[in-house]
Amino acid sequence: MLKGGMTGMLKKAQQMKDNIQKTQNEIKLLTATGKAGGVVQVSINGEHQVTDIQIDAAALGDKSLLEDLILTAINDANGQITDASAAKMKSATGGINLPGMNLPF
């Protein structure tokens, strides 16, 4: 009885490991666009790399304001990726909080 139970646990652990790996690959493919002030948009991928920045010409007049808007848009996009990553990982682990699996990577 113990042997069968252990085999089942090992099977489940391997399945969870496979689900986590699949989810990590899916997270890499995520994209999010953060927006600020209606004049700045920043897109990032699931690895938190900026992939695109769009700035409306109306924002070019005030350097300090533009810098703040860019930071706000980046933080907005990063928050979206972090939330989506956490939700995907929670689903992959069945809601189990695994040590060392803190996101972002």
N, C-alpha and C. Protein backbone atom coordinates (compact mmCIF):
# COMPACT_ATOMS: atom_id res chain seq x y z
N MET A 1 0.83 -1.20 0.00
CA MET A 1 0.00 0.00 0.00
C MET A 1 0.86 1.25 0.00
N LEU A 2 1.90 1.26 0.78
CA LEU A 2 2.79 2.41 0.82
C LEU A 2 3.46 2.64 -0.51
N LYS A 3 3.88 1.55 -1.16
CA LYS A 3 4.56 1.65 -2.44
C LYS A 3 3.65 2.31 -3.49
N GLY A 4 2.41 1.89 -3.57
CA GLY A 4 1.47 2.47 -4.52
C GLY A 4 1.20 3.94 -4.22
N GLY A 5 1.12 4.27 -2.95
CA GLY A 5 0.89 5.66 -2.56
C GLY A 5 2.06 6.55 -2.93
N MET A 6 3.27 6.03 -2.75
CA MET A 6 4.47 6.79 -3.08
C MET A 6 4.57 6.98 -4.60
N THR A 7 4.24 5.96 -5.34
CA THR A 7 4.26 6.06 -6.80
C THR A 7 3.27 7.12 -7.28
N GLY A 8 2.11 7.13 -6.68
CA GLY A 8 1.10 8.13 -7.03
C GLY A 8 1.58 9.54 -6.72
N MET A 9 2.22 9.69 -5.56
CA MET A 9 2.74 11.01 -5.19
C MET A 9 3.82 11.45 -6.16
N LEU A 10 4.71 10.54 -6.53
CA LEU A 10 5.78 10.87 -7.47
C LEU A 10 5.21 11.26 -8.84
N LYS A 11 4.16 10.55 -9.25
CA LYS A 11 3.51 10.87 -10.52
C LYS A 11 2.91 12.28 -10.49
N LYS A 12 2.25 12.58 -9.37
CA LYS A 12 1.65 13.91 -9.22
C LYS A 12 2.71 15.00 -9.18
N ALA A 13 3.82 14.73 -8.50
CA ALA A 13 4.91 15.70 -8.43
C ALA A 13 5.50 15.94 -9.82
N GLN A 14 5.68 14.89 -10.60
CA GLN A 14 6.20 15.04 -11.96
C GLN A 14 5.22 15.82 -12.83
N GLN A 15 3.94 15.54 -12.67
CA GLN A 15 2.92 16.26 -13.43
C GLN A 15 2.93 17.75 -13.07
N MET A 16 3.07 18.06 -11.77
CA MET A 16 3.14 19.46 -11.35
C MET A 16 4.39 20.12 -11.92
N LYS A 17 5.50 19.42 -11.91
CA LYS A 17 6.74 19.95 -12.47
C LYS A 17 6.55 20.27 -13.96
N ASP A 18 5.92 19.36 -14.69
CA ASP A 18 5.66 19.58 -16.11
C ASP A 18 4.74 20.79 -16.32
N ASN A 19 3.70 20.89 -15.47
CA ASN A 19 2.78 22.04 -15.56
C ASN A 19 3.50 23.35 -15.29
N ILE A 20 4.39 23.35 -14.31
CA ILE A 20 5.14 24.56 -13.98
C ILE A 20 6.04 24.97 -15.14
N GLN A 21 6.73 24.00 -15.73
CA GLN A 21 7.61 24.30 -16.88
C GLN A 21 6.80 24.87 -18.05
N LYS A 22 5.67 24.26 -18.33
CA LYS A 22 4.80 24.73 -19.41
C LYS A 22 4.33 26.16 -19.10
N THR A 23 3.94 26.39 -17.87
CA THR A 23 3.47 27.72 -17.47
C THR A 23 4.58 28.75 -17.56
N GLN A 24 5.79 28.39 -17.15
CA GLN A 24 6.91 29.33 -17.26
C GLN A 24 7.15 29.72 -18.72
N ASN A 25 7.02 28.76 -19.63
CA ASN A 25 7.17 29.07 -21.05
C ASN A 25 6.04 29.98 -21.54
N GLU A 26 4.82 29.75 -21.05
CA GLU A 26 3.70 30.60 -21.42
C GLU A 26 3.90 32.02 -20.89
N ILE A 27 4.42 32.14 -19.68
CA ILE A 27 4.65 33.46 -19.08
C ILE A 27 5.63 34.27 -19.92
N LYS A 28 6.65 33.62 -20.46
CA LYS A 28 7.63 34.32 -21.30
C LYS A 28 6.96 34.97 -22.51
N LEU A 29 5.85 34.39 -22.97
CA LEU A 29 5.15 34.89 -24.15
C LEU A 29 4.13 35.99 -23.85
N LEU A 30 3.89 36.26 -22.57
CA LEU A 30 2.94 37.31 -22.20
C LEU A 30 3.43 38.67 -22.66
N THR A 31 2.50 39.56 -22.93
CA THR A 31 2.81 40.96 -23.19
C THR A 31 1.82 41.82 -22.43
N ALA A 32 2.27 43.00 -22.06
CA ALA A 32 1.39 43.96 -21.39
C ALA A 32 1.79 45.35 -21.82
N THR A 33 0.81 46.24 -21.89
CA THR A 33 1.07 47.63 -22.24
C THR A 33 0.60 48.51 -21.10
N GLY A 34 1.56 49.22 -20.51
CA GLY A 34 1.25 50.16 -19.45
C GLY A 34 1.02 51.54 -20.06
N LYS A 35 0.12 52.28 -19.47
CA LYS A 35 -0.24 53.60 -20.00
C LYS A 35 -0.13 54.64 -18.89
N ALA A 36 0.19 55.86 -19.30
CA ALA A 36 0.27 56.95 -18.33
C ALA A 36 -0.14 58.26 -18.99
N GLY A 37 -1.04 58.94 -18.35
CA GLY A 37 -1.45 60.27 -18.80
C GLY A 37 -2.07 60.33 -20.18
N GLY A 38 -2.38 59.20 -20.75
CA GLY A 38 -2.96 59.17 -22.09
C GLY A 38 -1.98 59.55 -23.19
N VAL A 39 -0.69 59.74 -22.83
CA VAL A 39 0.28 60.17 -23.83
C VAL A 39 1.51 59.26 -23.91
N VAL A 40 1.64 58.32 -22.98
CA VAL A 40 2.78 57.41 -22.98
C VAL A 40 2.27 55.98 -22.85
N GLN A 41 2.80 55.10 -23.70
CA GLN A 41 2.50 53.68 -23.62
C GLN A 41 3.82 52.91 -23.67
N VAL A 42 3.96 51.94 -22.77
CA VAL A 42 5.16 51.11 -22.74
C VAL A 42 4.71 49.65 -22.75
N SER A 43 5.25 48.88 -23.69
CA SER A 43 4.93 47.46 -23.77
C SER A 43 6.12 46.65 -23.25
N ILE A 44 5.81 45.60 -22.50
CA ILE A 44 6.85 44.70 -22.01
C ILE A 44 6.42 43.26 -22.25
N ASN A 45 7.40 42.37 -22.21
CA ASN A 45 7.10 40.95 -22.37
C ASN A 45 7.10 40.25 -21.02
N GLY A 46 6.87 38.97 -21.03
CA GLY A 46 6.78 38.20 -19.80
C GLY A 46 8.09 38.08 -19.03
N GLU A 47 9.17 38.48 -19.65
CA GLU A 47 10.46 38.49 -18.98
C GLU A 47 10.81 39.90 -18.49
N HIS A 48 9.81 40.76 -18.48
CA HIS A 48 9.92 42.14 -18.00
C HIS A 48 10.90 42.97 -18.82
N GLN A 49 11.01 42.67 -20.10
CA GLN A 49 11.84 43.47 -21.00
C GLN A 49 10.95 44.42 -21.78
N VAL A 50 11.35 45.68 -21.83
CA VAL A 50 10.59 46.68 -22.59
C VAL A 50 10.74 46.36 -24.07
N THR A 51 9.61 46.26 -24.76
CA THR A 51 9.63 45.93 -26.19
C THR A 51 9.18 47.08 -27.08
N ASP A 52 8.51 48.08 -26.49
CA ASP A 52 8.02 49.19 -27.30
C ASP A 52 7.68 50.37 -26.38
N ILE A 53 7.97 51.56 -26.87
CA ILE A 53 7.58 52.78 -26.18
C ILE A 53 6.94 53.71 -27.21
N GLN A 54 5.77 54.22 -26.87
CA GLN A 54 5.10 55.20 -27.73
C GLN A 54 4.83 56.46 -26.91
N ILE A 55 5.25 57.58 -27.46
CA ILE A 55 5.09 58.86 -26.77
C ILE A 55 4.38 59.83 -27.71
N ASP A 56 3.26 60.35 -27.25
CA ASP A 56 2.53 61.36 -28.01
C ASP A 56 3.34 62.65 -28.02
N ALA A 57 3.35 63.35 -29.14
CA ALA A 57 4.12 64.59 -29.27
C ALA A 57 3.72 65.62 -28.21
N ALA A 58 2.50 65.56 -27.73
CA ALA A 58 2.03 66.52 -26.72
C ALA A 58 2.83 66.41 -25.43
N ALA A 59 3.47 65.27 -25.20
CA ALA A 59 4.20 65.06 -23.95
C ALA A 59 5.65 65.52 -24.03
N LEU A 60 6.09 65.99 -25.19
CA LEU A 60 7.50 66.32 -25.37
C LEU A 60 7.91 67.66 -24.78
N GLY A 61 6.99 68.47 -24.36
CA GLY A 61 7.32 69.80 -23.87
C GLY A 61 7.91 69.86 -22.48
N ASP A 62 7.60 68.91 -21.62
CA ASP A 62 8.03 68.94 -20.23
C ASP A 62 8.84 67.69 -19.92
N LYS A 63 10.16 67.83 -19.90
CA LYS A 63 11.06 66.69 -19.72
C LYS A 63 10.78 65.94 -18.42
N SER A 64 10.63 66.64 -17.32
CA SER A 64 10.40 66.02 -16.03
C SER A 64 9.08 65.25 -16.01
N LEU A 65 8.03 65.85 -16.56
CA LEU A 65 6.73 65.18 -16.62
C LEU A 65 6.83 63.94 -17.50
N LEU A 66 7.52 64.03 -18.63
CA LEU A 66 7.66 62.90 -19.53
C LEU A 66 8.40 61.75 -18.84
N GLU A 67 9.45 62.06 -18.11
CA GLU A 67 10.18 61.03 -17.38
C GLU A 67 9.27 60.32 -16.37
N ASP A 68 8.46 61.10 -15.66
CA ASP A 68 7.52 60.52 -14.70
C ASP A 68 6.48 59.64 -15.39
N LEU A 69 5.99 60.09 -16.53
CA LEU A 69 4.99 59.32 -17.28
C LEU A 69 5.58 58.00 -17.78
N ILE A 70 6.82 58.03 -18.23
CA ILE A 70 7.47 56.80 -18.70
C ILE A 70 7.62 55.82 -17.54
N LEU A 71 8.07 56.30 -16.40
CA LEU A 71 8.20 55.43 -15.23
C LEU A 71 6.86 54.84 -14.82
N THR A 72 5.84 55.66 -14.84
CA THR A 72 4.50 55.20 -14.46
C THR A 72 4.01 54.13 -15.43
N ALA A 73 4.22 54.34 -16.72
CA ALA A 73 3.78 53.36 -17.72
C ALA A 73 4.54 52.05 -17.57
N ILE A 74 5.85 52.12 -17.32
CA ILE A 74 6.64 50.90 -17.13
C ILE A 74 6.15 50.14 -15.90
N ASN A 75 5.93 50.85 -14.81
CA ASN A 75 5.45 50.21 -13.58
C ASN A 75 4.07 49.60 -13.77
N ASP A 76 3.22 50.26 -14.54
CA ASP A 76 1.89 49.74 -14.83
C ASP A 76 2.01 48.42 -15.60
N ALA A 77 2.83 48.40 -16.63
CA ALA A 77 3.01 47.18 -17.44
C ALA A 77 3.63 46.07 -16.60
N ASN A 78 4.62 46.40 -15.79
CA ASN A 78 5.25 45.39 -14.94
C ASN A 78 4.25 44.79 -13.96
N GLY A 79 3.39 45.63 -13.41
CA GLY A 79 2.36 45.14 -12.50
C GLY A 79 1.41 44.17 -13.18
N GLN A 80 1.06 44.48 -14.41
CA GLN A 80 0.17 43.60 -15.18
C GLN A 80 0.82 42.24 -15.42
N ILE A 81 2.10 42.26 -15.80
CA ILE A 81 2.82 41.01 -16.06
C ILE A 81 2.96 40.21 -14.76
N THR A 82 3.30 40.87 -13.68
CA THR A 82 3.46 40.19 -12.40
C THR A 82 2.15 39.53 -11.96
N ASP A 83 1.05 40.25 -12.09
CA ASP A 83 -0.26 39.70 -11.71
C ASP A 83 -0.64 38.51 -12.59
N ALA A 84 -0.44 38.65 -13.90
CA ALA A 84 -0.78 37.57 -14.83
C ALA A 84 0.11 36.35 -14.58
N SER A 85 1.38 36.58 -14.32
CA SER A 85 2.31 35.49 -14.04
C SER A 85 1.92 34.74 -12.78
N ALA A 86 1.59 35.48 -11.74
CA ALA A 86 1.20 34.86 -10.48
C ALA A 86 -0.07 34.04 -10.64
N ALA A 87 -1.02 34.56 -11.39
CA ALA A 87 -2.27 33.83 -11.61
C ALA A 87 -2.02 32.54 -12.39
N LYS A 88 -1.18 32.61 -13.42
CA LYS A 88 -0.87 31.41 -14.19
C LYS A 88 -0.14 30.38 -13.34
N MET A 89 0.81 30.83 -12.54
CA MET A 89 1.57 29.90 -11.71
C MET A 89 0.69 29.29 -10.63
N LYS A 90 -0.21 30.07 -10.07
CA LYS A 90 -1.13 29.54 -9.06
C LYS A 90 -1.99 28.44 -9.66
N SER A 91 -2.41 28.65 -10.90
CA SER A 91 -3.20 27.64 -11.59
C SER A 91 -2.37 26.38 -11.85
N ALA A 92 -1.11 26.56 -12.23
CA ALA A 92 -0.24 25.42 -12.55
C ALA A 92 0.08 24.59 -11.32
N THR A 93 0.15 25.23 -10.16
CA THR A 93 0.51 24.50 -8.93
C THR A 93 -0.71 24.09 -8.12
N GLY A 94 -1.88 24.36 -8.64
CA GLY A 94 -3.09 24.03 -7.91
C GLY A 94 -3.27 24.86 -6.66
N GLY A 95 -2.68 26.06 -6.67
CA GLY A 95 -2.80 26.96 -5.53
C GLY A 95 -1.78 26.72 -4.43
N ILE A 96 -0.90 25.75 -4.63
CA ILE A 96 0.13 25.46 -3.63
C ILE A 96 1.24 26.50 -3.77
N ASN A 97 1.60 27.12 -2.66
CA ASN A 97 2.69 28.10 -2.65
C ASN A 97 4.01 27.36 -2.48
N LEU A 98 4.78 27.26 -3.56
CA LEU A 98 6.04 26.53 -3.51
C LEU A 98 7.20 27.47 -3.21
N PRO A 99 8.04 27.11 -2.26
CA PRO A 99 9.23 27.94 -1.97
C PRO A 99 10.11 28.05 -3.20
N GLY A 100 10.66 29.22 -3.41
CA GLY A 100 11.54 29.42 -4.55
C GLY A 100 10.82 29.68 -5.86
N MET A 101 9.49 29.72 -5.83
CA MET A 101 8.73 29.96 -7.05
C MET A 101 8.16 31.37 -7.08
N ASN A 102 8.83 32.29 -6.40
CA ASN A 102 8.36 33.66 -6.40
C ASN A 102 8.54 34.28 -7.77
N LEU A 103 7.56 35.02 -8.23
CA LEU A 103 7.63 35.69 -9.51
C LEU A 103 7.80 37.18 -9.27
N PRO A 104 8.38 37.93 -10.13
CA PRO A 104 8.97 37.51 -11.39
C PRO A 104 10.27 36.77 -11.16
N PHE A 105 10.70 36.06 -12.19
CA PHE A 105 11.85 35.16 -12.08
C PHE A 105 13.08 35.93 -11.76
